[in-house]
Amino acid sequence: MNNINESMLRDIHLAFIKMHILYHASKEEVFGIGLIEELGRHGYKLSPGTLYPTLAKMQEAGLLTCECRTVRHKQRKYYKITHAGLELLDEVKVKLKELYDEVVKGK
């Protein structure tokens, strides 16, 4: 694959990853390693160097809140979805359904 295609694929994957993060954060608090494992079950191979800046940007955008806690003598950041994050997730669900219906079902 050429660099343009690799870059575009990465952008699309990152968008899907963000939707996964919002979805899981809407169900319960999430944390980095837990998200890496969950996303791995969906075929995404994320490094902390990719995930944590993504979480920070989502927090800066007001989509997530973050709370630091000590777990087994280590700091762990827990993320929860905000009201704005829930609104975006609801909006994206509609768009995802439209896209699925068109691309996968051919409607």
PDB file of N, CA and C in Angstrom:
ATOM      1  N   MET A   1       0.836  -1.182   0.000  1.00  0.00           N
ATOM      2  CA  MET A   1       0.000   0.000   0.000  1.00  0.00           C
ATOM      3  C   MET A   1       0.881   1.246   0.000  1.00  0.00           C
ATOM      4  N   ASN A   2       0.457   2.277  -0.704  1.00  0.00           N
ATOM      5  CA  ASN A   2       1.271   3.493  -0.719  1.00  0.00           C
ATOM      6  C   ASN A   2       0.988   4.324   0.534  1.00  0.00           C
ATOM      7  N   ASN A   3       1.807   5.356   0.731  1.00  0.00           N
ATOM      8  CA  ASN A   3       1.708   6.181   1.942  1.00  0.00           C
ATOM      9  C   ASN A   3       0.360   6.871   2.089  1.00  0.00           C
ATOM     10  N   ILE A   4      -0.231   7.313   0.959  1.00  0.00           N
ATOM     11  CA  ILE A   4      -1.532   7.981   1.021  1.00  0.00           C
ATOM     12  C   ILE A   4      -2.588   7.002   1.527  1.00  0.00           C
ATOM     13  N   ASN A   5      -2.600   5.796   0.978  1.00  0.00           N
ATOM     14  CA  ASN A   5      -3.576   4.797   1.403  1.00  0.00           C
ATOM     15  C   ASN A   5      -3.350   4.402   2.861  1.00  0.00           C
ATOM     16  N   GLU A   6      -2.109   4.243   3.288  1.00  0.00           N
ATOM     17  CA  GLU A   6      -1.813   3.889   4.677  1.00  0.00           C
ATOM     18  C   GLU A   6      -2.261   4.988   5.622  1.00  0.00           C
ATOM     19  N   SER A   7      -2.030   6.230   5.229  1.00  0.00           N
ATOM     20  CA  SER A   7      -2.446   7.361   6.042  1.00  0.00           C
ATOM     21  C   SER A   7      -3.969   7.424   6.151  1.00  0.00           C
ATOM     22  N   MET A   8      -4.648   7.229   5.046  1.00  0.00           N
ATOM     23  CA  MET A   8      -6.113   7.259   5.038  1.00  0.00           C
ATOM     24  C   MET A   8      -6.666   6.110   5.874  1.00  0.00           C
ATOM     25  N   LEU A   9      -6.102   4.925   5.734  1.00  0.00           N
ATOM     26  CA  LEU A   9      -6.545   3.772   6.512  1.00  0.00           C
ATOM     27  C   LEU A   9      -6.361   4.030   8.005  1.00  0.00           C
ATOM     28  N   ARG A  10      -5.237   4.631   8.368  1.00  0.00           N
ATOM     29  CA  ARG A  10      -4.984   4.957   9.766  1.00  0.00           C
ATOM     30  C   ARG A  10      -6.027   5.943  10.289  1.00  0.00           C
ATOM     31  N   ASP A  11      -6.359   6.956   9.487  1.00  0.00           N
ATOM     32  CA  ASP A  11      -7.372   7.939   9.877  1.00  0.00           C
ATOM     33  C   ASP A  11      -8.729   7.273  10.106  1.00  0.00           C
ATOM     34  N   ILE A  12      -9.097   6.378   9.211  1.00  0.00           N
ATOM     35  CA  ILE A  12     -10.386   5.692   9.327  1.00  0.00           C
ATOM     36  C   ILE A  12     -10.387   4.785  10.556  1.00  0.00           C
ATOM     37  N   HIS A  13      -9.310   4.038  10.750  1.00  0.00           N
ATOM     38  CA  HIS A  13      -9.220   3.182  11.936  1.00  0.00           C
ATOM     39  C   HIS A  13      -9.308   4.009  13.211  1.00  0.00           C
ATOM     40  N   LEU A  14      -8.643   5.156  13.235  1.00  0.00           N
ATOM     41  CA  LEU A  14      -8.677   6.005  14.421  1.00  0.00           C
ATOM     42  C   LEU A  14     -10.095   6.507  14.699  1.00  0.00           C
ATOM     43  N   ALA A  15     -10.849   6.790  13.657  1.00  0.00           N
ATOM     44  CA  ALA A  15     -12.244   7.206  13.844  1.00  0.00           C
ATOM     45  C   ALA A  15     -13.058   6.075  14.466  1.00  0.00           C
ATOM     46  N   PHE A  16     -12.863   4.848  13.979  1.00  0.00           N
ATOM     47  CA  PHE A  16     -13.558   3.699  14.559  1.00  0.00           C
ATOM     48  C   PHE A  16     -13.125   3.473  16.006  1.00  0.00           C
ATOM     49  N   ILE A  17     -11.858   3.631  16.281  1.00  0.00           N
ATOM     50  CA  ILE A  17     -11.340   3.474  17.642  1.00  0.00           C
ATOM     51  C   ILE A  17     -11.995   4.481  18.576  1.00  0.00           C
ATOM     52  N   LYS A  18     -12.113   5.718  18.131  1.00  0.00           N
ATOM     53  CA  LYS A  18     -12.764   6.754  18.947  1.00  0.00           C
ATOM     54  C   LYS A  18     -14.218   6.399  19.227  1.00  0.00           C
ATOM     55  N   MET A  19     -14.900   5.824  18.254  1.00  0.00           N
ATOM     56  CA  MET A  19     -16.290   5.424  18.475  1.00  0.00           C
ATOM     57  C   MET A  19     -16.354   4.284  19.482  1.00  0.00           C
ATOM     58  N   HIS A  20     -15.435   3.340  19.391  1.00  0.00           N
ATOM     59  CA  HIS A  20     -15.363   2.260  20.388  1.00  0.00           C
ATOM     60  C   HIS A  20     -15.144   2.844  21.783  1.00  0.00           C
ATOM     61  N   ILE A  21     -14.234   3.802  21.881  1.00  0.00           N
ATOM     62  CA  ILE A  21     -13.938   4.420  23.180  1.00  0.00           C
ATOM     63  C   ILE A  21     -15.189   5.086  23.736  1.00  0.00           C
ATOM     64  N   LEU A  22     -15.866   5.875  22.927  1.00  0.00           N
ATOM     65  CA  LEU A  22     -17.088   6.532  23.395  1.00  0.00           C
ATOM     66  C   LEU A  22     -18.138   5.510  23.812  1.00  0.00           C
ATOM     67  N   TYR A  23     -18.297   4.477  23.018  1.00  0.00           N
ATOM     68  CA  TYR A  23     -19.287   3.452  23.342  1.00  0.00           C
ATOM     69  C   TYR A  23     -18.972   2.800  24.691  1.00  0.00           C
ATOM     70  N   HIS A  24     -17.750   2.336  24.858  1.00  0.00           N
ATOM     71  CA  HIS A  24     -17.391   1.636  26.102  1.00  0.00           C
ATOM     72  C   HIS A  24     -17.432   2.591  27.299  1.00  0.00           C
ATOM     73  N   ALA A  25     -17.030   3.835  27.082  1.00  0.00           N
ATOM     74  CA  ALA A  25     -17.079   4.816  28.174  1.00  0.00           C
ATOM     75  C   ALA A  25     -18.511   5.175  28.537  1.00  0.00           C
ATOM     76  N   SER A  26     -19.445   4.931  27.631  1.00  0.00           N
ATOM     77  CA  SER A  26     -20.855   5.177  27.945  1.00  0.00           C
ATOM     78  C   SER A  26     -21.433   4.049  28.796  1.00  0.00           C
ATOM     79  N   LYS A  27     -20.790   2.897  28.773  1.00  0.00           N
ATOM     80  CA  LYS A  27     -21.269   1.737  29.525  1.00  0.00           C
ATOM     81  C   LYS A  27     -20.659   1.667  30.924  1.00  0.00           C
ATOM     82  N   GLU A  28     -19.375   2.063  31.033  1.00  0.00           N
ATOM     83  CA  GLU A  28     -18.665   2.016  32.310  1.00  0.00           C
ATOM     84  C   GLU A  28     -17.376   2.826  32.190  1.00  0.00           C
ATOM     85  N   GLU A  29     -16.745   3.090  33.326  1.00  0.00           N
ATOM     86  CA  GLU A  29     -15.449   3.767  33.293  1.00  0.00           C
ATOM     87  C   GLU A  29     -14.463   2.887  32.533  1.00  0.00           C
ATOM     88  N   VAL A  30     -13.579   3.520  31.795  1.00  0.00           N
ATOM     89  CA  VAL A  30     -12.574   2.773  31.036  1.00  0.00           C
ATOM     90  C   VAL A  30     -11.191   3.294  31.401  1.00  0.00           C
ATOM     91  N   PHE A  31     -10.182   2.464  31.154  1.00  0.00           N
ATOM     92  CA  PHE A  31      -8.799   2.870  31.379  1.00  0.00           C
ATOM     93  C   PHE A  31      -7.947   2.306  30.248  1.00  0.00           C
ATOM     94  N   GLY A  32      -6.758   2.862  30.089  1.00  0.00           N
ATOM     95  CA  GLY A  32      -5.914   2.598  28.928  1.00  0.00           C
ATOM     96  C   GLY A  32      -5.684   1.144  28.578  1.00  0.00           C
ATOM     97  N   ILE A  33      -5.109   0.383  29.500  1.00  0.00           N
ATOM     98  CA  ILE A  33      -4.773  -1.011  29.191  1.00  0.00           C
ATOM     99  C   ILE A  33      -6.039  -1.814  28.905  1.00  0.00           C
ATOM    100  N   GLY A  34      -7.104  -1.536  29.653  1.00  0.00           N
ATOM    101  CA  GLY A  34      -8.375  -2.217  29.394  1.00  0.00           C
ATOM    102  C   GLY A  34      -8.893  -1.929  27.996  1.00  0.00           C
ATOM    103  N   LEU A  35      -8.744  -0.683  27.553  1.00  0.00           N
ATOM    104  CA  LEU A  35      -9.167  -0.325  26.200  1.00  0.00           C
ATOM    105  C   LEU A  35      -8.284  -0.990  25.148  1.00  0.00           C
ATOM    106  N   ILE A  36      -6.985  -1.035  25.400  1.00  0.00           N
ATOM    107  CA  ILE A  36      -6.078  -1.695  24.445  1.00  0.00           C
ATOM    108  C   ILE A  36      -6.477  -3.152  24.273  1.00  0.00           C
ATOM    109  N   GLU A  37      -6.810  -3.824  25.384  1.00  0.00           N
ATOM    110  CA  GLU A  37      -7.231  -5.229  25.315  1.00  0.00           C
ATOM    111  C   GLU A  37      -8.568  -5.369  24.591  1.00  0.00           C
ATOM    112  N   GLU A  38      -9.529  -4.510  24.937  1.00  0.00           N
ATOM    113  CA  GLU A  38     -10.852  -4.575  24.292  1.00  0.00           C
ATOM    114  C   GLU A  38     -10.731  -4.306  22.796  1.00  0.00           C
ATOM    115  N   LEU A  39      -9.993  -3.283  22.428  1.00  0.00           N
ATOM    116  CA  LEU A  39      -9.829  -2.965  21.011  1.00  0.00           C
ATOM    117  C   LEU A  39      -9.071  -4.068  20.282  1.00  0.00           C
ATOM    118  N   GLY A  40      -8.161  -4.723  20.990  1.00  0.00           N
ATOM    119  CA  GLY A  40      -7.445  -5.863  20.411  1.00  0.00           C
ATOM    120  C   GLY A  40      -8.402  -6.981  20.021  1.00  0.00           C
ATOM    121  N   ARG A  41      -9.468  -7.156  20.803  1.00  0.00           N
ATOM    122  CA  ARG A  41     -10.469  -8.179  20.475  1.00  0.00           C
ATOM    123  C   ARG A  41     -11.207  -7.841  19.174  1.00  0.00           C
ATOM    124  N   HIS A  42     -11.151  -6.588  18.780  1.00  0.00           N
ATOM    125  CA  HIS A  42     -11.782  -6.153  17.535  1.00  0.00           C
ATOM    126  C   HIS A  42     -10.766  -6.042  16.400  1.00  0.00           C
ATOM    127  N   GLY A  43      -9.547  -6.476  16.649  1.00  0.00           N
ATOM    128  CA  GLY A  43      -8.526  -6.496  15.600  1.00  0.00           C
ATOM    129  C   GLY A  43      -7.641  -5.271  15.522  1.00  0.00           C
ATOM    130  N   TYR A  44      -7.802  -4.330  16.455  1.00  0.00           N
ATOM    131  CA  TYR A  44      -6.965  -3.137  16.454  1.00  0.00           C
ATOM    132  C   TYR A  44      -5.744  -3.396  17.319  1.00  0.00           C
ATOM    133  N   LYS A  45      -4.570  -3.054  16.798  1.00  0.00           N
ATOM    134  CA  LYS A  45      -3.318  -3.205  17.550  1.00  0.00           C
ATOM    135  C   LYS A  45      -2.851  -1.811  17.932  1.00  0.00           C
ATOM    136  N   LEU A  46      -3.212  -1.406  19.141  1.00  0.00           N
ATOM    137  CA  LEU A  46      -2.881  -0.059  19.601  1.00  0.00           C
ATOM    138  C   LEU A  46      -1.750  -0.108  20.600  1.00  0.00           C
ATOM    139  N   SER A  47      -0.876   0.865  20.493  1.00  0.00           N
ATOM    140  CA  SER A  47       0.170   1.036  21.490  1.00  0.00           C
ATOM    141  C   SER A  47      -0.288   2.129  22.450  1.00  0.00           C
ATOM    142  N   PRO A  48       0.265   2.152  23.662  1.00  0.00           N
ATOM    143  CA  PRO A  48      -0.045   3.262  24.564  1.00  0.00           C
ATOM    144  C   PRO A  48       0.281   4.613  23.933  1.00  0.00           C
ATOM    145  N   GLY A  49       1.306   4.659  23.073  1.00  0.00           N
ATOM    146  CA  GLY A  49       1.704   5.897  22.415  1.00  0.00           C
ATOM    147  C   GLY A  49       0.672   6.420  21.436  1.00  0.00           C
ATOM    148  N   THR A  50      -0.247   5.574  21.009  1.00  0.00           N
ATOM    149  CA  THR A  50      -1.357   6.001  20.161  1.00  0.00           C
ATOM    150  C   THR A  50      -2.605   6.260  20.997  1.00  0.00           C
ATOM    151  N   LEU A  51      -2.882   5.349  21.930  1.00  0.00           N
ATOM    152  CA  LEU A  51      -4.118   5.448  22.703  1.00  0.00           C
ATOM    153  C   LEU A  51      -4.147   6.651  23.629  1.00  0.00           C
ATOM    154  N   TYR A  52      -3.099   6.852  24.423  1.00  0.00           N
ATOM    155  CA  TYR A  52      -3.160   7.909  25.430  1.00  0.00           C
ATOM    156  C   TYR A  52      -3.277   9.319  24.832  1.00  0.00           C
ATOM    157  N   PRO A  53      -2.574   9.634  23.749  1.00  0.00           N
ATOM    158  CA  PRO A  53      -2.819  10.946  23.124  1.00  0.00           C
ATOM    159  C   PRO A  53      -4.254  11.072  22.574  1.00  0.00           C
ATOM    160  N   THR A  54      -4.815   9.970  22.087  1.00  0.00           N
ATOM    161  CA  THR A  54      -6.201   9.989  21.604  1.00  0.00           C
ATOM    162  C   THR A  54      -7.152  10.273  22.755  1.00  0.00           C
ATOM    163  N   LEU A  55      -6.948   9.604  23.887  1.00  0.00           N
ATOM    164  CA  LEU A  55      -7.784   9.851  25.069  1.00  0.00           C
ATOM    165  C   LEU A  55      -7.649  11.300  25.537  1.00  0.00           C
ATOM    166  N   ALA A  56      -6.421  11.808  25.528  1.00  0.00           N
ATOM    167  CA  ALA A  56      -6.192  13.198  25.957  1.00  0.00           C
ATOM    168  C   ALA A  56      -6.912  14.179  25.040  1.00  0.00           C
ATOM    169  N   LYS A  57      -6.873  13.933  23.733  1.00  0.00           N
ATOM    170  CA  LYS A  57      -7.561  14.815  22.782  1.00  0.00           C
ATOM    171  C   LYS A  57      -9.076  14.739  22.967  1.00  0.00           C
ATOM    172  N   MET A  58      -9.583  13.554  23.249  1.00  0.00           N
ATOM    173  CA  MET A  58     -11.019  13.403  23.477  1.00  0.00           C
ATOM    174  C   MET A  58     -11.430  14.105  24.769  1.00  0.00           C
ATOM    175  N   GLN A  59     -10.545  14.070  25.750  1.00  0.00           N
ATOM    176  CA  GLN A  59     -10.806  14.790  27.003  1.00  0.00           C
ATOM    177  C   GLN A  59     -10.780  16.299  26.755  1.00  0.00           C
ATOM    178  N   GLU A  60      -9.784  16.775  26.029  1.00  0.00           N
ATOM    179  CA  GLU A  60      -9.677  18.202  25.707  1.00  0.00           C
ATOM    180  C   GLU A  60     -10.890  18.691  24.915  1.00  0.00           C
ATOM    181  N   ALA A  61     -11.454  17.800  24.095  1.00  0.00           N
ATOM    182  CA  ALA A  61     -12.624  18.151  23.290  1.00  0.00           C
ATOM    183  C   ALA A  61     -13.916  18.108  24.107  1.00  0.00           C
ATOM    184  N   GLY A  62     -13.814  17.689  25.362  1.00  0.00           N
ATOM    185  CA  GLY A  62     -14.985  17.649  26.225  1.00  0.00           C
ATOM    186  C   GLY A  62     -15.838  16.413  26.073  1.00  0.00           C
ATOM    187  N   LEU A  63     -15.290  15.367  25.433  1.00  0.00           N
ATOM    188  CA  LEU A  63     -16.041  14.133  25.219  1.00  0.00           C
ATOM    189  C   LEU A  63     -15.889  13.150  26.371  1.00  0.00           C
ATOM    190  N   LEU A  64     -14.783  13.262  27.101  1.00  0.00           N
ATOM    191  CA  LEU A  64     -14.490  12.383  28.224  1.00  0.00           C
ATOM    192  C   LEU A  64     -14.031  13.202  29.414  1.00  0.00           C
ATOM    193  N   THR A  65     -14.259  12.672  30.606  1.00  0.00           N
ATOM    194  CA  THR A  65     -13.638  13.213  31.809  1.00  0.00           C
ATOM    195  C   THR A  65     -12.630  12.187  32.288  1.00  0.00           C
ATOM    196  N   CYS A  66     -11.691  12.633  33.094  1.00  0.00           N
ATOM    197  CA  CYS A  66     -10.624  11.751  33.560  1.00  0.00           C
ATOM    198  C   CYS A  66     -10.454  11.905  35.069  1.00  0.00           C
ATOM    199  N   GLU A  67     -10.283  10.781  35.733  1.00  0.00           N
ATOM    200  CA  GLU A  67     -10.019  10.768  37.171  1.00  0.00           C
ATOM    201  C   GLU A  67      -8.843   9.839  37.420  1.00  0.00           C
ATOM    202  N   CYS A  68      -7.834  10.338  38.118  1.00  0.00           N
ATOM    203  CA  CYS A  68      -6.661   9.523  38.449  1.00  0.00           C
ATOM    204  C   CYS A  68      -6.888   8.803  39.766  1.00  0.00           C
ATOM    205  N   ARG A  69      -6.533   7.529  39.799  1.00  0.00           N
ATOM    206  CA  ARG A  69      -6.618   6.721  41.012  1.00  0.00           C
ATOM    207  C   ARG A  69      -5.374   5.864  41.126  1.00  0.00           C
ATOM    208  N   THR A  70      -5.049   5.500  42.341  1.00  0.00           N
ATOM    209  CA  THR A  70      -3.927   4.599  42.568  1.00  0.00           C
ATOM    210  C   THR A  70      -4.451   3.171  42.624  1.00  0.00           C
ATOM    211  N   VAL A  71      -3.899   2.327  41.758  1.00  0.00           N
ATOM    212  CA  VAL A  71      -4.270   0.915  41.702  1.00  0.00           C
ATOM    213  C   VAL A  71      -2.982   0.107  41.760  1.00  0.00           C
ATOM    214  N   ARG A  72      -2.859  -0.722  42.783  1.00  0.00           N
ATOM    215  CA  ARG A  72      -1.639  -1.534  42.969  1.00  0.00           C
ATOM    216  C   ARG A  72      -0.381  -0.670  42.942  1.00  0.00           C
ATOM    217  N   HIS A  73      -0.452   0.437  43.662  1.00  0.00           N
ATOM    218  CA  HIS A  73       0.668   1.372  43.821  1.00  0.00           C
ATOM    219  C   HIS A  73       1.056   2.096  42.528  1.00  0.00           C
ATOM    220  N   LYS A  74       0.161   2.100  41.532  1.00  0.00           N
ATOM    221  CA  LYS A  74       0.408   2.815  40.284  1.00  0.00           C
ATOM    222  C   LYS A  74      -0.770   3.734  40.003  1.00  0.00           C
ATOM    223  N   GLN A  75      -0.461   4.866  39.375  1.00  0.00           N
ATOM    224  CA  GLN A  75      -1.521   5.785  38.961  1.00  0.00           C
ATOM    225  C   GLN A  75      -2.217   5.221  37.721  1.00  0.00           C
ATOM    226  N   ARG A  76      -3.536   5.224  37.753  1.00  0.00           N
ATOM    227  CA  ARG A  76      -4.313   4.796  36.598  1.00  0.00           C
ATOM    228  C   ARG A  76      -5.362   5.863  36.331  1.00  0.00           C
ATOM    229  N   LYS A  77      -5.512   6.220  35.064  1.00  0.00           N
ATOM    230  CA  LYS A  77      -6.510   7.206  34.667  1.00  0.00           C
ATOM    231  C   LYS A  77      -7.770   6.478  34.201  1.00  0.00           C
ATOM    232  N   TYR A  78      -8.890   6.853  34.812  1.00  0.00           N
ATOM    233  CA  TYR A  78     -10.188   6.319  34.430  1.00  0.00           C
ATOM    234  C   TYR A  78     -10.962   7.390  33.683  1.00  0.00           C
ATOM    235  N   TYR A  79     -11.584   6.986  32.590  1.00  0.00           N
ATOM    236  CA  TYR A  79     -12.300   7.919  31.736  1.00  0.00           C
ATOM    237  C   TYR A  79     -13.783   7.578  31.733  1.00  0.00           C
ATOM    238  N   LYS A  80     -14.607   8.644  31.753  1.00  0.00           N
ATOM    239  CA  LYS A  80     -16.057   8.518  31.643  1.00  0.00           C
ATOM    240  C   LYS A  80     -16.521   9.442  30.529  1.00  0.00           C
ATOM    241  N   ILE A  81     -17.596   9.049  29.894  1.00  0.00           N
ATOM    242  CA  ILE A  81     -18.162   9.871  28.836  1.00  0.00           C
ATOM    243  C   ILE A  81     -18.878  11.073  29.457  1.00  0.00           C
ATOM    244  N   THR A  82     -18.847  12.192  28.774  1.00  0.00           N
ATOM    245  CA  THR A  82     -19.552  13.402  29.200  1.00  0.00           C
ATOM    246  C   THR A  82     -20.893  13.480  28.466  1.00  0.00           C
ATOM    247  N   HIS A  83     -21.678  14.475  28.835  1.00  0.00           N
ATOM    248  CA  HIS A  83     -22.943  14.709  28.133  1.00  0.00           C
ATOM    249  C   HIS A  83     -22.674  14.980  26.643  1.00  0.00           C
ATOM    250  N   ALA A  84     -21.665  15.789  26.364  1.00  0.00           N
ATOM    251  CA  ALA A  84     -21.310  16.080  24.962  1.00  0.00           C
ATOM    252  C   ALA A  84     -20.875  14.805  24.238  1.00  0.00           C
ATOM    253  N   GLY A  85     -20.143  13.944  24.937  1.00  0.00           N
ATOM    254  CA  GLY A  85     -19.729  12.670  24.355  1.00  0.00           C
ATOM    255  C   GLY A  85     -20.914  11.781  24.034  1.00  0.00           C
ATOM    256  N   LEU A  86     -21.911  11.762  24.947  1.00  0.00           N
ATOM    257  CA  LEU A  86     -23.131  10.980  24.701  1.00  0.00           C
ATOM    258  C   LEU A  86     -23.898  11.515  23.502  1.00  0.00           C
ATOM    259  N   GLU A  87     -23.976  12.836  23.396  1.00  0.00           N
ATOM    260  CA  GLU A  87     -24.665  13.435  22.243  1.00  0.00           C
ATOM    261  C   GLU A  87     -23.963  13.071  20.944  1.00  0.00           C
ATOM    262  N   LEU A  88     -22.637  13.147  20.942  1.00  0.00           N
ATOM    263  CA  LEU A  88     -21.886  12.784  19.737  1.00  0.00           C
ATOM    264  C   LEU A  88     -22.076  11.309  19.406  1.00  0.00           C
ATOM    265  N   LEU A  89     -22.014  10.450  20.431  1.00  0.00           N
ATOM    266  CA  LEU A  89     -22.199   9.016  20.207  1.00  0.00           C
ATOM    267  C   LEU A  89     -23.568   8.744  19.594  1.00  0.00           C
ATOM    268  N   ASP A  90     -24.608   9.387  20.103  1.00  0.00           N
ATOM    269  CA  ASP A  90     -25.951   9.196  19.540  1.00  0.00           C
ATOM    270  C   ASP A  90     -26.014   9.645  18.086  1.00  0.00           C
ATOM    271  N   GLU A  91     -25.379  10.773  17.795  1.00  0.00           N
ATOM    272  CA  GLU A  91     -25.350  11.277  16.415  1.00  0.00           C
ATOM    273  C   GLU A  91     -24.605  10.315  15.496  1.00  0.00           C
ATOM    274  N   VAL A  92     -23.489   9.805  15.979  1.00  0.00           N
ATOM    275  CA  VAL A  92     -22.676   8.901  15.167  1.00  0.00           C
ATOM    276  C   VAL A  92     -23.387   7.562  14.955  1.00  0.00           C
ATOM    277  N   LYS A  93     -24.147   7.101  15.942  1.00  0.00           N
ATOM    278  CA  LYS A  93     -24.900   5.850  15.781  1.00  0.00           C
ATOM    279  C   LYS A  93     -25.840   5.938  14.586  1.00  0.00           C
ATOM    280  N   VAL A  94     -26.498   7.082  14.431  1.00  0.00           N
ATOM    281  CA  VAL A  94     -27.408   7.278  13.296  1.00  0.00           C
ATOM    282  C   VAL A  94     -26.611   7.208  11.995  1.00  0.00           C
ATOM    283  N   LYS A  95     -25.475   7.898  11.954  1.00  0.00           N
ATOM    284  CA  LYS A  95     -24.647   7.906  10.745  1.00  0.00           C
ATOM    285  C   LYS A  95     -24.070   6.525  10.455  1.00  0.00           C
ATOM    286  N   LEU A  96     -23.677   5.794  11.508  1.00  0.00           N
ATOM    287  CA  LEU A  96     -23.139   4.441  11.322  1.00  0.00           C
ATOM    288  C   LEU A  96     -24.205   3.510  10.753  1.00  0.00           C
ATOM    289  N   LYS A  97     -25.424   3.635  11.236  1.00  0.00           N
ATOM    290  CA  LYS A  97     -26.500   2.794  10.725  1.00  0.00           C
ATOM    291  C   LYS A  97     -26.751   3.106   9.253  1.00  0.00           C
ATOM    292  N   GLU A  98     -26.796   4.391   8.914  1.00  0.00           N
ATOM    293  CA  GLU A  98     -26.978   4.776   7.515  1.00  0.00           C
ATOM    294  C   GLU A  98     -25.867   4.197   6.641  1.00  0.00           C
ATOM    295  N   LEU A  99     -24.623   4.323   7.123  1.00  0.00           N
ATOM    296  CA  LEU A  99     -23.475   3.815   6.374  1.00  0.00           C
ATOM    297  C   LEU A  99     -23.537   2.295   6.237  1.00  0.00           C
ATOM    298  N   TYR A 100     -23.874   1.612   7.325  1.00  0.00           N
ATOM    299  CA  TYR A 100     -23.990   0.152   7.293  1.00  0.00           C
ATOM    300  C   TYR A 100     -25.064  -0.282   6.298  1.00  0.00           C
ATOM    301  N   ASP A 101     -26.222   0.366   6.378  1.00  0.00           N
ATOM    302  CA  ASP A 101     -27.302   0.020   5.471  1.00  0.00           C
ATOM    303  C   ASP A 101     -26.902   0.210   4.011  1.00  0.00           C
ATOM    304  N   GLU A 102     -26.174   1.278   3.736  1.00  0.00           N
ATOM    305  CA  GLU A 102     -25.779   1.562   2.362  1.00  0.00           C
ATOM    306  C   GLU A 102     -24.633   0.689   1.892  1.00  0.00           C
ATOM    307  N   VAL A 103     -23.575   0.605   2.688  1.00  0.00           N
ATOM    308  CA  VAL A 103     -22.362  -0.089   2.238  1.00  0.00           C
ATOM    309  C   VAL A 103     -22.469  -1.608   2.369  1.00  0.00           C
ATOM    310  N   VAL A 104     -22.995  -2.070   3.492  1.00  0.00           N
ATOM    311  CA  VAL A 104     -23.030  -3.511   3.745  1.00  0.00           C
ATOM    312  C   VAL A 104     -24.307  -4.136   3.173  1.00  0.00           C
ATOM    313  N   LYS A 105     -25.439  -3.535   3.435  1.00  0.00           N
ATOM    314  CA  LYS A 105     -26.700  -4.100   2.985  1.00  0.00           C
ATOM    315  C   LYS A 105     -27.058  -3.689   1.564  1.00  0.00           C
ATOM    316  N   GLY A 106     -26.430  -2.642   1.053  1.00  0.00           N
ATOM    317  CA  GLY A 106     -26.699  -2.182  -0.311  1.00  0.00           C
ATOM    318  C   GLY A 106     -28.043  -1.511  -0.487  1.00  0.00           C
ATOM    319  N   LYS A 107     -28.538  -0.888   0.582  1.00  0.00           N
ATOM    320  CA  LYS A 107     -29.854  -0.217   0.507  1.00  0.00           C
ATOM    321  C   LYS A 107     -29.701   1.205   0.007  1.00  0.00           C
TER     322      LYS A 107
END
